Amino acid sequence: MRKLITFDAHDGQVLDLTFTGDGRALISAGMDNVVKIWSTSDWSLRTTLEGHEKSVNSIALSPDGEILATGSSDATVKLWSLPHGELLHTLRDKKKTVSTVTISDSGLLVATGWYGGRAVIWTADGGKALSLEASRKNLSTIAISPASHLLVTAGLGEEIKVWEIPSGALLETLLGHETAVNSLHFIDSGERLVSLGHEGSIRLWRVETWREERMIELEDDSARRFVLSPQEERAALSFKGRIQVWNTHAWTPIDALAVDTKMVGGMAFSPDGTRFAAGAADGKMRVWDAA
């Protein structure tokens, strides 16, 4: 990939980011307690969303692009209306850090993971739909199946847990990773689950049976985040000071991107797959031509 631009984005580490569905904007969140919306035509700042009192750790955008969910260390989840950035709801559960948020493919459910192992699903209008004591340890990643009938949770510890929506029944506990699980993604229209483990492996699970289909060992154990392109033909993995791009058909690396800082935060492919963006500990955003 060819780098297009590097620009200052946040005062402190960039923690998460996502492109809007039309590809015209890039949304970023950081340690400076704010969310910023950037125009992808010239990378100028459009809007700054203020309201969180501590770092914004995770963001998620609804499929229609109208609702943005943000999770913070101030123990709140906020739902914003886009494109104007109006605050719709502030959601509270327990006084713990919100580490991860995601929105279902239907746009009707907002799932949140918290320190202390709490998982909560809210409706898009701010109502609480389901709450779980998913773990005794901090959660770092969650995923909702495309049909919105499964919630998968993981974080510190080796367990990946599968829960039924809306009953909250525990269906499966998946074992194989060590120490922690850093990322979860449903792929192939929900037929498979991909997980990235802190010990340095990617595992593919068959959802129908929850059996491990494949395990890919990485070259080292510093991979901390995993994102997919919209067409799922590529994946990006963040390591210390670098990013690897993988072909997901062969599960082999096809490109390497240097980042001039040890910690890479959020990463995202544009909806058409032609651009790739990554934030980092130096507060900068880096964008590559991914076509």
Protein backbone atom coordinates (compact mmCIF):
# COMPACT_ATOMS: atom_id res chain seq x y z
CA MET A 1 0.00 0.00 0.00
CA ARG A 2 1.08 3.58 -0.69
CA LYS A 3 0.71 6.08 2.13
CA LEU A 4 -1.51 9.02 1.22
CA ILE A 5 -1.33 11.26 4.26
CA THR A 6 -0.33 11.52 7.93
CA PHE A 7 -2.01 14.19 10.05
CA ASP A 8 -2.45 15.20 13.67
CA ALA A 9 -5.79 13.90 14.91
CA HIS A 10 -5.94 13.84 18.73
CA ASP A 11 -4.08 15.10 21.79
CA GLY A 12 -2.97 11.66 22.90
CA GLN A 13 -3.48 8.17 21.57
CA VAL A 14 -6.04 7.46 18.86
CA LEU A 15 -8.03 4.54 20.29
CA ASP A 16 -10.61 3.69 17.63
CA LEU A 17 -11.89 4.79 14.24
CA THR A 18 -14.38 3.94 11.51
CA PHE A 19 -15.38 5.19 8.07
CA THR A 20 -18.94 6.24 7.39
CA GLY A 21 -20.91 4.01 5.05
CA ASP A 22 -20.64 6.42 2.14
CA GLY A 23 -16.89 6.75 2.65
CA ARG A 24 -17.10 10.55 2.85
CA ALA A 25 -16.03 10.80 6.47
CA LEU A 26 -13.67 9.16 8.92
CA ILE A 27 -14.62 9.13 12.61
CA SER A 28 -11.95 8.86 15.29
CA ALA A 29 -11.86 8.66 19.09
CA GLY A 30 -9.01 9.18 21.49
CA MET A 31 -7.49 9.65 24.90
CA ASP A 32 -8.43 13.34 24.78
CA ASN A 33 -12.08 12.51 25.57
CA VAL A 34 -13.48 13.61 22.20
CA VAL A 35 -14.73 12.12 18.95
CA LYS A 36 -13.77 13.80 15.69
CA ILE A 37 -15.30 13.56 12.23
CA TRP A 38 -12.96 14.14 9.28
CA SER A 39 -13.79 14.78 5.62
CA THR A 40 -12.10 12.17 3.44
CA SER A 41 -11.98 14.56 0.48
CA ASP A 42 -9.29 16.75 2.04
CA TRP A 43 -8.92 15.27 5.58
CA SER A 44 -10.15 18.47 7.19
CA LEU A 45 -11.96 18.38 10.53
CA ARG A 46 -15.74 18.61 10.13
CA THR A 47 -17.04 18.19 13.67
CA THR A 48 -15.86 17.49 17.22
CA LEU A 49 -18.23 15.63 19.54
CA GLU A 50 -17.70 16.59 23.17
CA GLY A 51 -19.41 15.17 26.24
CA HIS A 52 -17.33 12.32 27.59
CA GLU A 53 -15.26 13.11 30.67
CA LYS A 54 -12.56 10.50 30.06
CA SER A 55 -11.01 8.65 27.12
CA VAL A 56 -13.28 7.39 24.35
CA ASN A 57 -12.18 3.78 23.95
CA SER A 58 -14.49 2.38 21.29
CA ILE A 59 -16.93 3.60 18.65
CA ALA A 60 -19.48 1.90 16.38
CA LEU A 61 -21.62 3.23 13.56
CA SER A 62 -25.04 1.87 12.63
CA PRO A 63 -25.37 0.41 9.11
CA ASP A 64 -27.54 3.35 7.99
CA GLY A 65 -24.93 5.78 9.30
CA GLU A 66 -27.42 7.65 11.47
CA ILE A 67 -26.40 6.46 14.96
CA LEU A 68 -22.89 6.58 16.45
CA ALA A 69 -22.23 4.73 19.70
CA THR A 70 -19.25 5.72 21.85
CA GLY A 71 -17.92 3.95 24.93
CA SER A 72 -15.72 5.68 27.49
CA SER A 73 -13.65 5.26 30.62
CA ASP A 74 -16.16 7.63 32.27
CA ALA A 75 -18.49 4.58 32.56
CA THR A 76 -20.97 5.80 29.97
CA VAL A 77 -22.10 4.87 26.49
CA LYS A 78 -23.39 7.75 24.39
CA LEU A 79 -25.58 7.53 21.31
CA TRP A 80 -25.25 10.39 18.82
CA SER A 81 -27.31 11.32 15.78
CA LEU A 82 -25.30 11.87 12.61
CA PRO A 83 -24.43 13.85 10.58
CA HIS A 84 -25.11 16.75 12.98
CA GLY A 85 -23.67 15.15 16.12
CA GLU A 86 -26.70 15.63 18.37
CA LEU A 87 -26.47 13.66 21.63
CA LEU A 88 -29.48 11.34 21.84
CA HIS A 89 -28.87 9.18 24.92
CA THR A 90 -26.32 8.69 27.69
CA LEU A 91 -26.41 5.08 28.90
CA ARG A 92 -25.13 3.97 32.30
CA ASP A 93 -24.83 0.57 33.92
CA LYS A 94 -22.12 0.11 36.56
CA LYS A 95 -19.30 2.49 37.38
CA LYS A 96 -16.76 0.70 35.24
CA THR A 97 -14.82 1.53 32.08
CA VAL A 98 -16.61 0.79 28.81
CA SER A 99 -13.99 -1.00 26.76
CA THR A 100 -15.85 -1.98 23.58
CA VAL A 101 -19.06 -1.22 21.69
CA THR A 102 -20.66 -2.65 18.56
CA ILE A 103 -23.97 -2.22 16.72
CA SER A 104 -25.90 -5.09 15.17
CA ASP A 105 -26.33 -5.41 11.41
CA SER A 106 -30.00 -4.60 11.92
CA GLY A 107 -29.05 -1.34 13.64
CA LEU A 108 -31.48 -2.14 16.46
CA LEU A 109 -29.04 -3.35 19.13
CA VAL A 110 -26.01 -1.73 20.74
CA ALA A 111 -23.77 -4.21 22.57
CA THR A 112 -21.25 -3.00 25.13
CA GLY A 113 -18.42 -4.64 27.05
CA TRP A 114 -17.13 -3.31 30.37
CA TYR A 115 -14.27 -3.75 32.78
CA GLY A 116 -15.25 -6.24 35.44
CA GLY A 117 -16.75 -8.59 32.85
CA ARG A 118 -20.13 -6.95 32.35
CA ALA A 119 -21.85 -7.16 28.94
CA VAL A 120 -24.95 -5.08 28.25
CA ILE A 121 -27.14 -4.88 25.15
CA TRP A 122 -29.19 -1.73 24.65
CA THR A 123 -31.81 -0.88 22.07
CA ALA A 124 -31.08 1.95 19.66
CA ASP A 125 -33.57 4.14 21.51
CA GLY A 126 -31.64 3.75 24.77
CA GLY A 127 -33.50 0.92 26.51
CA LYS A 128 -31.67 -1.92 28.24
CA ALA A 129 -32.42 -5.23 26.49
CA LEU A 130 -30.00 -7.66 28.16
CA SER A 131 -27.28 -7.59 30.82
CA LEU A 132 -24.83 -10.37 31.60
CA GLU A 133 -22.06 -11.11 34.04
CA ALA A 134 -20.04 -12.49 31.15
CA SER A 135 -16.75 -12.85 33.00
CA ARG A 136 -14.97 -12.05 36.25
CA LYS A 137 -12.29 -10.30 34.21
CA ASN A 138 -12.26 -7.27 31.92
CA LEU A 139 -13.93 -7.63 28.54
CA SER A 140 -12.06 -6.24 25.55
CA THR A 141 -14.05 -7.45 22.54
CA ILE A 142 -17.61 -8.45 21.67
CA ALA A 143 -19.48 -9.40 18.50
CA ILE A 144 -23.13 -9.76 17.50
CA SER A 145 -24.00 -12.34 14.84
CA PRO A 146 -25.47 -10.99 11.57
CA ALA A 147 -28.88 -12.42 12.49
CA SER A 148 -28.66 -10.73 15.93
CA HIS A 149 -29.35 -13.99 17.78
CA LEU A 150 -25.85 -14.50 19.25
CA LEU A 151 -23.54 -12.36 21.38
CA VAL A 152 -19.90 -13.40 21.73
CA THR A 153 -17.72 -11.97 24.51
CA ALA A 154 -14.03 -12.22 25.40
CA GLY A 155 -11.20 -10.34 27.08
CA LEU A 156 -8.71 -11.19 29.79
CA GLY A 157 -8.47 -14.95 30.22
CA GLU A 158 -8.65 -17.73 27.67
CA GLU A 159 -12.44 -18.09 27.38
CA ILE A 160 -14.66 -17.00 24.50
CA LYS A 161 -18.32 -17.20 25.52
CA VAL A 162 -21.34 -17.47 23.25
CA TRP A 163 -24.68 -16.17 24.53
CA GLU A 164 -28.18 -16.42 23.12
CA ILE A 165 -30.09 -13.22 22.37
CA PRO A 166 -32.53 -12.28 23.87
CA SER A 167 -32.60 -14.95 26.60
CA GLY A 168 -29.01 -14.45 27.75
CA ALA A 169 -28.45 -18.21 28.00
CA LEU A 170 -24.82 -19.35 27.82
CA LEU A 171 -24.56 -21.63 24.78
CA GLU A 172 -20.85 -22.38 24.44
CA THR A 173 -17.44 -21.67 25.95
CA LEU A 174 -14.63 -21.80 23.40
CA LEU A 175 -11.11 -22.62 24.57
CA GLY A 176 -7.78 -22.51 22.79
CA HIS A 177 -6.34 -19.03 23.25
CA GLU A 178 -4.10 -18.12 26.17
CA THR A 179 -3.94 -15.06 28.46
CA ALA A 180 -6.46 -12.91 26.55
CA VAL A 181 -8.57 -12.58 23.41
CA ASN A 182 -8.10 -9.26 21.62
CA SER A 183 -10.56 -9.31 18.69
CA LEU A 184 -13.70 -11.15 17.54
CA HIS A 185 -15.43 -10.99 14.16
CA PHE A 186 -18.20 -12.96 12.47
CA ILE A 187 -17.43 -13.70 8.80
CA ASP A 188 -18.97 -15.60 5.88
CA SER A 189 -22.49 -14.31 6.63
CA GLY A 190 -22.19 -15.51 10.21
CA GLU A 191 -21.07 -19.05 9.43
CA ARG A 192 -17.68 -18.55 11.07
CA LEU A 193 -16.18 -16.63 13.96
CA VAL A 194 -12.59 -15.32 13.83
CA SER A 195 -10.67 -14.65 17.03
CA LEU A 196 -7.26 -13.13 17.70
CA GLY A 197 -5.45 -14.33 20.80
CA HIS A 198 -2.87 -12.50 22.91
CA GLU A 199 -0.56 -15.51 22.62
CA GLY A 200 -0.19 -14.92 18.87
CA SER A 201 -2.74 -16.97 16.97
CA ILE A 202 -5.82 -16.49 14.82
CA ARG A 203 -8.52 -19.14 15.18
CA LEU A 204 -11.50 -19.86 12.95
CA TRP A 205 -14.57 -21.41 14.56
CA ARG A 206 -17.47 -23.05 12.73
CA VAL A 207 -20.61 -21.48 14.20
CA GLU A 208 -22.86 -24.46 13.46
CA THR A 209 -20.78 -26.78 15.67
CA TRP A 210 -18.48 -24.30 17.47
CA ARG A 211 -15.54 -26.50 16.53
CA GLU A 212 -12.19 -24.92 15.74
CA GLU A 213 -11.67 -25.27 12.00
CA ARG A 214 -8.25 -23.70 11.69
CA MET A 215 -5.47 -22.10 13.70
CA ILE A 216 -2.95 -19.70 12.18
CA GLU A 217 0.20 -19.04 14.18
CA LEU A 218 1.55 -15.50 13.89
CA GLU A 219 5.23 -14.67 13.75
CA ASP A 220 5.16 -13.09 17.20
CA ASP A 221 2.77 -12.45 20.06
CA SER A 222 2.51 -8.67 19.79
CA ALA A 223 -0.66 -8.59 17.61
CA ARG A 224 -3.25 -6.55 19.46
CA ARG A 225 -6.02 -5.79 16.99
CA PHE A 226 -7.62 -7.36 13.94
CA VAL A 227 -9.98 -5.72 11.42
CA LEU A 228 -11.51 -6.92 8.17
CA SER A 229 -12.12 -5.21 4.85
CA PRO A 230 -15.81 -4.89 3.92
CA GLN A 231 -15.51 -7.70 1.39
CA GLU A 232 -13.65 -9.85 3.96
CA GLU A 233 -10.90 -10.69 1.46
CA ARG A 234 -8.28 -8.82 3.51
CA ALA A 235 -7.49 -8.41 7.19
CA ALA A 236 -5.23 -5.93 8.96
CA LEU A 237 -3.37 -6.89 12.13
CA SER A 238 -1.61 -4.35 14.33
CA PHE A 239 1.74 -5.24 15.86
CA LYS A 240 4.25 -3.09 17.74
CA GLY A 241 5.27 -0.37 15.31
CA ARG A 242 3.75 -1.99 12.24
CA ILE A 243 0.65 -3.32 10.55
CA GLN A 244 0.36 -6.46 8.47
CA VAL A 245 -2.25 -6.90 5.75
CA TRP A 246 -3.35 -10.49 5.14
CA ASN A 247 -5.16 -12.35 2.39
CA THR A 248 -7.99 -14.13 4.20
CA HIS A 249 -8.46 -16.82 1.56
CA ALA A 250 -4.97 -18.23 2.05
CA TRP A 251 -4.44 -16.60 5.47
CA THR A 252 -1.02 -15.30 4.48
CA PRO A 253 0.50 -11.80 4.86
CA ILE A 254 0.60 -9.77 1.65
CA ASP A 255 1.81 -6.34 2.80
CA ALA A 256 3.53 -4.60 5.71
CA LEU A 257 2.97 -1.01 6.80
CA ALA A 258 5.45 0.81 9.02
CA VAL A 259 4.13 3.00 11.84
CA ASP A 260 6.57 5.29 13.63
CA THR A 261 5.31 4.49 17.11
CA LYS A 262 4.99 1.27 19.08
CA MET A 263 1.26 1.33 19.77
CA VAL A 264 -1.29 1.22 16.95
CA GLY A 265 -4.84 2.06 18.00
CA GLY A 266 -7.89 1.90 15.76
CA MET A 267 -7.81 0.65 12.17
CA ALA A 268 -10.41 0.61 9.41
CA PHE A 269 -10.87 -0.05 5.70
CA SER A 270 -13.11 2.31 3.74
CA PRO A 271 -16.43 0.80 2.55
CA ASP A 272 -15.15 0.37 -1.00
CA GLY A 273 -11.84 -1.07 0.22
CA THR A 274 -9.73 1.57 -1.52
CA ARG A 275 -8.38 3.27 1.60
CA PHE A 276 -7.06 2.05 4.91
CA ALA A 277 -6.62 4.23 8.00
CA ALA A 278 -4.88 3.66 11.32
CA GLY A 279 -4.49 5.76 14.45
CA ALA A 280 -1.60 5.49 16.86
CA ALA A 281 -0.16 6.45 20.23
CA ASP A 282 1.35 9.67 18.85
CA GLY A 283 -2.12 11.07 18.15
CA LYS A 284 -1.62 10.92 14.40
CA MET A 285 -3.80 9.37 11.73
CA ARG A 286 -2.20 7.55 8.82
CA VAL A 287 -4.07 6.78 5.62
CA TRP A 288 -2.97 4.46 2.82
CA ASP A 289 -4.17 3.76 -0.71
CA ALA A 290 -5.53 0.22 -0.34
CA ALA A 291 -6.78 -0.23 -3.90
